């Protein structure tokens, strides 16, 4: 799997190509399929990063303790 940045950059290029509207249908479909795959990869990268993010909570004694970042509600 490519890095998040690589996948996102390729996905942006695909969007640019498709927005021009000058591709044959078969090429558009192939790019769309690749874009969907890349979109899923980017989502996976973001979910993995979210799982690693922690917030620091100040304790009553003034010390700091790491807590898991709460997942966002959909």
PDB file of N, CA and C in Angstrom:
ATOM      1  N   UNK A   1       0.848  -1.174   0.000  1.00  0.00           N
ATOM      2  CA  UNK A   1       0.000   0.000   0.000  1.00  0.00           C
ATOM      3  C   UNK A   1       0.892   1.235   0.000  1.00  0.00           C
ATOM      4  N   UNK A   2       0.531   2.200  -0.826  1.00  0.00           N
ATOM      5  CA  UNK A   2       1.278   3.453  -0.914  1.00  0.00           C
ATOM      6  C   UNK A   2       1.003   4.289   0.340  1.00  0.00           C
ATOM      7  N   UNK A   3       1.827   5.304   0.548  1.00  0.00           N
ATOM      8  CA  UNK A   3       1.601   6.193   1.686  1.00  0.00           C
ATOM      9  C   UNK A   3       0.330   7.004   1.444  1.00  0.00           C
ATOM     10  N   UNK A   4      -0.174   7.600   2.509  1.00  0.00           N
ATOM     11  CA  UNK A   4      -1.376   8.435   2.401  1.00  0.00           C
ATOM     12  C   UNK A   4      -1.147   9.559   1.387  1.00  0.00           C
ATOM     13  N   UNK A   5       0.005  10.206   1.488  1.00  0.00           N
ATOM     14  CA  UNK A   5       0.301  11.336   0.617  1.00  0.00           C
ATOM     15  C   UNK A   5       0.369  10.911  -0.849  1.00  0.00           C
ATOM     16  N   UNK A   6       0.985   9.765  -1.113  1.00  0.00           N
ATOM     17  CA  UNK A   6       1.080   9.261  -2.490  1.00  0.00           C
ATOM     18  C   UNK A   6      -0.300   8.913  -3.040  1.00  0.00           C
ATOM     19  N   UNK A   7      -1.095   8.238  -2.235  1.00  0.00           N
ATOM     20  CA  UNK A   7      -2.443   7.867  -2.668  1.00  0.00           C
ATOM     21  C   UNK A   7      -3.299   9.098  -2.925  1.00  0.00           C
ATOM     22  N   UNK A   8      -3.212  10.075  -2.044  1.00  0.00           N
ATOM     23  CA  UNK A   8      -4.004  11.293  -2.200  1.00  0.00           C
ATOM     24  C   UNK A   8      -3.580  12.069  -3.444  1.00  0.00           C
ATOM     25  N   UNK A   9      -2.268  12.155  -3.674  1.00  0.00           N
ATOM     26  CA  UNK A   9      -1.767  12.869  -4.848  1.00  0.00           C
ATOM     27  C   UNK A   9      -2.263  12.203  -6.136  1.00  0.00           C
ATOM     28  N   UNK A  10      -2.202  10.875  -6.201  1.00  0.00           N
ATOM     29  CA  UNK A  10      -2.683  10.153  -7.382  1.00  0.00           C
ATOM     30  C   UNK A  10      -4.190  10.343  -7.536  1.00  0.00           C
ATOM     31  N   UNK A  11      -4.916  10.306  -6.447  1.00  0.00           N
ATOM     32  CA  UNK A  11      -6.359  10.503  -6.489  1.00  0.00           C
ATOM     33  C   UNK A  11      -6.701  11.893  -7.026  1.00  0.00           C
ATOM     34  N   UNK A  12      -5.953  12.907  -6.614  1.00  0.00           N
ATOM     35  CA  UNK A  12      -6.165  14.266  -7.116  1.00  0.00           C
ATOM     36  C   UNK A  12      -5.926  14.337  -8.626  1.00  0.00           C
ATOM     37  N   UNK A  13      -4.897  13.642  -9.121  1.00  0.00           N
ATOM     38  CA  UNK A  13      -4.622  13.627 -10.563  1.00  0.00           C
ATOM     39  C   UNK A  13      -5.751  12.946 -11.329  1.00  0.00           C
ATOM     40  N   UNK A  14      -6.282  11.877 -10.762  1.00  0.00           N
ATOM     41  CA  UNK A  14      -7.395  11.172 -11.406  1.00  0.00           C
ATOM     42  C   UNK A  14      -8.604  12.098 -11.513  1.00  0.00           C
ATOM     43  N   UNK A  15      -8.905  12.809 -10.441  1.00  0.00           N
ATOM     44  CA  UNK A  15     -10.039  13.737 -10.446  1.00  0.00           C
ATOM     45  C   UNK A  15      -9.836  14.800 -11.520  1.00  0.00           C
ATOM     46  N   UNK A  16      -8.625  15.348 -11.605  1.00  0.00           N
ATOM     47  CA  UNK A  16      -8.334  16.361 -12.637  1.00  0.00           C
ATOM     48  C   UNK A  16      -8.574  15.801 -14.032  1.00  0.00           C
ATOM     49  N   UNK A  17      -8.094  14.582 -14.288  1.00  0.00           N
ATOM     50  CA  UNK A  17      -8.260  13.963 -15.599  1.00  0.00           C
ATOM     51  C   UNK A  17      -9.739  13.757 -15.915  1.00  0.00           C
ATOM     52  N   UNK A  18     -10.483  13.283 -14.961  1.00  0.00           N
ATOM     53  CA  UNK A  18     -11.891  12.993 -15.192  1.00  0.00           C
ATOM     54  C   UNK A  18     -12.708  14.273 -15.346  1.00  0.00           C
ATOM     55  N   UNK A  19     -12.326  15.322 -14.644  1.00  0.00           N
ATOM     56  CA  UNK A  19     -13.059  16.592 -14.743  1.00  0.00           C
ATOM     57  C   UNK A  19     -12.895  17.250 -16.109  1.00  0.00           C
ATOM     58  N   UNK A  20     -11.804  16.958 -16.793  1.00  0.00           N
ATOM     59  CA  UNK A  20     -11.611  17.531 -18.136  1.00  0.00           C
ATOM     60  C   UNK A  20     -12.692  17.037 -19.093  1.00  0.00           C
ATOM     61  N   UNK A  21     -13.135  15.797 -18.883  1.00  0.00           N
ATOM     62  CA  UNK A  21     -14.221  15.260 -19.688  1.00  0.00           C
ATOM     63  C   UNK A  21     -13.843  14.835 -21.090  1.00  0.00           C
ATOM     64  N   UNK A  22     -12.555  14.660 -21.371  1.00  0.00           N
ATOM     65  CA  UNK A  22     -12.136  14.311 -22.729  1.00  0.00           C
ATOM     66  C   UNK A  22     -11.644  12.871 -22.845  1.00  0.00           C
ATOM     67  N   UNK A  23     -11.909  12.053 -21.843  1.00  0.00           N
ATOM     68  CA  UNK A  23     -11.449  10.664 -21.865  1.00  0.00           C
ATOM     69  C   UNK A  23     -12.512   9.754 -22.481  1.00  0.00           C
ATOM     70  N   UNK A  24     -12.063   8.720 -23.178  1.00  0.00           N
ATOM     71  CA  UNK A  24     -13.022   7.712 -23.636  1.00  0.00           C
ATOM     72  C   UNK A  24     -13.675   7.039 -22.426  1.00  0.00           C
ATOM     73  N   UNK A  25     -14.866   6.517 -22.616  1.00  0.00           N
ATOM     74  CA  UNK A  25     -15.622   5.909 -21.530  1.00  0.00           C
ATOM     75  C   UNK A  25     -14.829   4.812 -20.824  1.00  0.00           C
ATOM     76  N   UNK A  26     -14.181   3.950 -21.576  1.00  0.00           N
ATOM     77  CA  UNK A  26     -13.418   2.844 -20.969  1.00  0.00           C
ATOM     78  C   UNK A  26     -12.312   3.366 -20.058  1.00  0.00           C
ATOM     79  N   UNK A  27     -11.610   4.401 -20.487  1.00  0.00           N
ATOM     80  CA  UNK A  27     -10.550   4.998 -19.661  1.00  0.00           C
ATOM     81  C   UNK A  27     -11.140   5.648 -18.412  1.00  0.00           C
ATOM     82  N   UNK A  28     -12.285   6.296 -18.571  1.00  0.00           N
ATOM     83  CA  UNK A  28     -12.947   6.922 -17.415  1.00  0.00           C
ATOM     84  C   UNK A  28     -13.330   5.875 -16.378  1.00  0.00           C
ATOM     85  N   UNK A  29     -13.833   4.742 -16.852  1.00  0.00           N
ATOM     86  CA  UNK A  29     -14.220   3.675 -15.928  1.00  0.00           C
ATOM     87  C   UNK A  29     -13.004   3.130 -15.199  1.00  0.00           C
ATOM     88  N   UNK A  30     -11.900   2.929 -15.903  1.00  0.00           N
ATOM     89  CA  UNK A  30     -10.674   2.427 -15.264  1.00  0.00           C
ATOM     90  C   UNK A  30     -10.171   3.416 -14.211  1.00  0.00           C
ATOM     91  N   UNK A  31     -10.192   4.709 -14.551  1.00  0.00           N
ATOM     92  CA  UNK A  31      -9.746   5.725 -13.599  1.00  0.00           C
ATOM     93  C   UNK A  31     -10.684   5.788 -12.394  1.00  0.00           C
ATOM     94  N   UNK A  32     -11.985   5.647 -12.660  1.00  0.00           N
ATOM     95  CA  UNK A  32     -12.947   5.656 -11.564  1.00  0.00           C
ATOM     96  C   UNK A  32     -12.676   4.499 -10.608  1.00  0.00           C
ATOM     97  N   UNK A  33     -12.440   3.310 -11.147  1.00  0.00           N
ATOM     98  CA  UNK A  33     -12.141   2.144 -10.313  1.00  0.00           C
ATOM     99  C   UNK A  33     -10.871   2.355  -9.500  1.00  0.00           C
ATOM    100  N   UNK A  34      -9.839   2.905 -10.141  1.00  0.00           N
ATOM    101  CA  UNK A  34      -8.589   3.187  -9.424  1.00  0.00           C
ATOM    102  C   UNK A  34      -8.833   4.230  -8.338  1.00  0.00           C
ATOM    103  N   UNK A  35      -9.627   5.236  -8.657  1.00  0.00           N
ATOM    104  CA  UNK A  35      -9.941   6.278  -7.682  1.00  0.00           C
ATOM    105  C   UNK A  35     -10.682   5.735  -6.473  1.00  0.00           C
ATOM    106  N   UNK A  36     -11.600   4.815  -6.689  1.00  0.00           N
ATOM    107  CA  UNK A  36     -12.337   4.215  -5.574  1.00  0.00           C
ATOM    108  C   UNK A  36     -11.390   3.402  -4.689  1.00  0.00           C
ATOM    109  N   UNK A  37     -10.464   2.681  -5.321  1.00  0.00           N
ATOM    110  CA  UNK A  37      -9.479   1.910  -4.553  1.00  0.00           C
ATOM    111  C   UNK A  37      -8.593   2.843  -3.728  1.00  0.00           C
ATOM    112  N   UNK A  38      -8.145   3.919  -4.353  1.00  0.00           N
ATOM    113  CA  UNK A  38      -7.293   4.879  -3.653  1.00  0.00           C
ATOM    114  C   UNK A  38      -8.049   5.570  -2.515  1.00  0.00           C
ATOM    115  N   UNK A  39      -9.308   5.859  -2.758  1.00  0.00           N
ATOM    116  CA  UNK A  39     -10.132   6.473  -1.721  1.00  0.00           C
ATOM    117  C   UNK A  39     -10.237   5.554  -0.504  1.00  0.00           C
ATOM    118  N   UNK A  40     -10.414   4.263  -0.753  1.00  0.00           N
ATOM    119  CA  UNK A  40     -10.476   3.299   0.346  1.00  0.00           C
ATOM    120  C   UNK A  40      -9.143   3.222   1.084  1.00  0.00           C
ATOM    121  N   UNK A  41      -8.032   3.278   0.339  1.00  0.00           N
ATOM    122  CA  UNK A  41      -6.706   3.262   0.974  1.00  0.00           C
ATOM    123  C   UNK A  41      -6.517   4.489   1.858  1.00  0.00           C
ATOM    124  N   UNK A  42      -6.916   5.658   1.343  1.00  0.00           N
ATOM    125  CA  UNK A  42      -6.778   6.887   2.128  1.00  0.00           C
ATOM    126  C   UNK A  42      -7.604   6.801   3.404  1.00  0.00           C
ATOM    127  N   UNK A  43      -8.822   6.274   3.281  1.00  0.00           N
ATOM    128  CA  UNK A  43      -9.684   6.124   4.458  1.00  0.00           C
ATOM    129  C   UNK A  43      -9.030   5.201   5.480  1.00  0.00           C
ATOM    130  N   UNK A  44      -8.426   4.118   5.004  1.00  0.00           N
ATOM    131  CA  UNK A  44      -7.756   3.181   5.908  1.00  0.00           C
ATOM    132  C   UNK A  44      -6.585   3.859   6.626  1.00  0.00           C
ATOM    133  N   UNK A  45      -5.800   4.637   5.872  1.00  0.00           N
ATOM    134  CA  UNK A  45      -4.686   5.374   6.491  1.00  0.00           C
ATOM    135  C   UNK A  45      -5.207   6.308   7.581  1.00  0.00           C
ATOM    136  N   UNK A  46      -6.280   7.028   7.293  1.00  0.00           N
ATOM    137  CA  UNK A  46      -6.823   7.975   8.261  1.00  0.00           C
ATOM    138  C   UNK A  46      -7.365   7.263   9.496  1.00  0.00           C
ATOM    139  N   UNK A  47      -8.012   6.125   9.295  1.00  0.00           N
ATOM    140  CA  UNK A  47      -8.520   5.364  10.439  1.00  0.00           C
ATOM    141  C   UNK A  47      -7.377   4.853  11.316  1.00  0.00           C
ATOM    142  N   UNK A  48      -6.286   4.420  10.683  1.00  0.00           N
ATOM    143  CA  UNK A  48      -5.128   3.967  11.452  1.00  0.00           C
ATOM    144  C   UNK A  48      -4.521   5.131  12.238  1.00  0.00           C
ATOM    145  N   UNK A  49      -4.435   6.281  11.604  1.00  0.00           N
ATOM    146  CA  UNK A  49      -3.875   7.460  12.280  1.00  0.00           C
ATOM    147  C   UNK A  49      -4.769   7.872  13.445  1.00  0.00           C
ATOM    148  N   UNK A  50      -6.078   7.834  13.234  1.00  0.00           N
ATOM    149  CA  UNK A  50      -7.012   8.209  14.290  1.00  0.00           C
ATOM    150  C   UNK A  50      -6.838   7.311  15.511  1.00  0.00           C
ATOM    151  N   UNK A  51      -6.581   6.030  15.259  1.00  0.00           N
ATOM    152  CA  UNK A  51      -6.377   5.095  16.354  1.00  0.00           C
ATOM    153  C   UNK A  51      -5.118   5.392  17.151  1.00  0.00           C
ATOM    154  N   UNK A  52      -4.172   6.070  16.548  1.00  0.00           N
ATOM    155  CA  UNK A  52      -2.918   6.379  17.225  1.00  0.00           C
ATOM    156  C   UNK A  52      -2.948   7.724  17.946  1.00  0.00           C
ATOM    157  N   UNK A  53      -3.894   8.546  17.579  1.00  0.00           N
ATOM    158  CA  UNK A  53      -3.968   9.878  18.176  1.00  0.00           C
ATOM    159  C   UNK A  53      -4.418   9.759  19.622  1.00  0.00           C
ATOM    160  N   UNK A  54      -3.750  10.481  20.464  1.00  0.00           N
ATOM    161  CA  UNK A  54      -4.121  10.508  21.875  1.00  0.00           C
ATOM    162  C   UNK A  54      -4.221  11.947  22.326  1.00  0.00           C
ATOM    163  N   UNK A  55      -5.031  12.154  23.324  1.00  0.00           N
ATOM    164  CA  UNK A  55      -5.106  13.485  23.926  1.00  0.00           C
ATOM    165  C   UNK A  55      -4.533  13.402  25.325  1.00  0.00           C
ATOM    166  N   UNK A  56      -4.003  14.495  25.782  1.00  0.00           N
ATOM    167  CA  UNK A  56      -3.458  14.544  27.133  1.00  0.00           C
ATOM    168  C   UNK A  56      -4.516  15.116  28.067  1.00  0.00           C
ATOM    169  N   UNK A  57      -4.754  14.410  29.160  1.00  0.00           N
ATOM    170  CA  UNK A  57      -5.729  14.837  30.152  1.00  0.00           C
ATOM    171  C   UNK A  57      -4.993  15.261  31.410  1.00  0.00           C
ATOM    172  N   UNK A  58      -5.305  16.437  31.905  1.00  0.00           N
ATOM    173  CA  UNK A  58      -4.675  16.915  33.126  1.00  0.00           C
ATOM    174  C   UNK A  58      -5.345  16.250  34.322  1.00  0.00           C
ATOM    175  N   UNK A  59      -4.527  15.696  35.185  1.00  0.00           N
ATOM    176  CA  UNK A  59      -5.019  15.012  36.372  1.00  0.00           C
ATOM    177  C   UNK A  59      -5.132  16.008  37.531  1.00  0.00           C
ATOM    178  N   UNK A  60      -5.826  15.614  38.561  1.00  0.00           N
ATOM    179  CA  UNK A  60      -6.016  16.490  39.729  1.00  0.00           C
ATOM    180  C   UNK A  60      -4.696  16.891  40.375  1.00  0.00           C
ATOM    181  N   UNK A  61      -3.702  16.009  40.300  1.00  0.00           N
ATOM    182  CA  UNK A  61      -2.411  16.312  40.917  1.00  0.00           C
ATOM    183  C   UNK A  61      -1.518  17.157  40.005  1.00  0.00           C
ATOM    184  N   UNK A  62      -2.054  17.585  38.861  1.00  0.00           N
ATOM    185  CA  UNK A  62      -1.296  18.432  37.941  1.00  0.00           C
ATOM    186  C   UNK A  62      -0.516  17.661  36.889  1.00  0.00           C
ATOM    187  N   UNK A  63      -0.435  16.349  37.037  1.00  0.00           N
ATOM    188  CA  UNK A  63       0.286  15.560  36.035  1.00  0.00           C
ATOM    189  C   UNK A  63      -0.592  15.374  34.792  1.00  0.00           C
ATOM    190  N   UNK A  64       0.039  14.908  33.726  1.00  0.00           N
ATOM    191  CA  UNK A  64      -0.680  14.683  32.468  1.00  0.00           C
ATOM    192  C   UNK A  64      -0.745  13.181  32.215  1.00  0.00           C
ATOM    193  N   UNK A  65      -1.855  12.731  31.660  1.00  0.00           N
ATOM    194  CA  UNK A  65      -2.023  11.330  31.317  1.00  0.00           C
ATOM    195  C   UNK A  65      -2.618  11.241  29.907  1.00  0.00           C
ATOM    196  N   UNK A  66      -2.064  10.330  29.100  1.00  0.00           N
ATOM    197  CA  UNK A  66      -2.562  10.141  27.733  1.00  0.00           C
ATOM    198  C   UNK A  66      -3.843   9.315  27.768  1.00  0.00           C
ATOM    199  N   UNK A  67      -4.824   9.746  26.993  1.00  0.00           N
ATOM    200  CA  UNK A  67      -6.095   9.042  26.844  1.00  0.00           C
ATOM    201  C   UNK A  67      -6.330   8.812  25.360  1.00  0.00           C
ATOM    202  N   UNK A  68      -6.981   7.709  24.993  1.00  0.00           N
ATOM    203  CA  UNK A  68      -7.322   7.515  23.584  1.00  0.00           C
ATOM    204  C   UNK A  68      -8.226   8.645  23.102  1.00  0.00           C
ATOM    205  N   UNK A  69      -8.028   9.039  21.870  1.00  0.00           N
ATOM    206  CA  UNK A  69      -8.862  10.075  21.282  1.00  0.00           C
ATOM    207  C   UNK A  69     -10.244   9.483  21.021  1.00  0.00           C
ATOM    208  N   UNK A  70     -11.304  10.150  21.464  1.00  0.00           N
ATOM    209  CA  UNK A  70     -12.632   9.563  21.255  1.00  0.00           C
ATOM    210  C   UNK A  70     -13.018   9.570  19.777  1.00  0.00           C
ATOM    211  N   UNK A  71     -13.596   8.479  19.289  1.00  0.00           N
ATOM    212  CA  UNK A  71     -14.036   8.447  17.894  1.00  0.00           C
ATOM    213  C   UNK A  71     -15.164   9.435  17.668  1.00  0.00           C
ATOM    214  N   UNK A  72     -15.195  10.006  16.472  1.00  0.00           N
ATOM    215  CA  UNK A  72     -16.264  10.950  16.147  1.00  0.00           C
ATOM    216  C   UNK A  72     -17.538  10.186  15.838  1.00  0.00           C
ATOM    217  N   UNK A  73     -18.642  10.760  16.237  1.00  0.00           N
ATOM    218  CA  UNK A  73     -19.941  10.162  15.952  1.00  0.00           C
ATOM    219  C   UNK A  73     -20.353  10.507  14.528  1.00  0.00           C
ATOM    220  N   UNK A  74     -20.928   9.551  13.840  1.00  0.00           N
ATOM    221  CA  UNK A  74     -21.392   9.786  12.466  1.00  0.00           C
ATOM    222  C   UNK A  74     -22.785  10.346  12.471  1.00  0.00           C
TER     223      UNK A  74
END
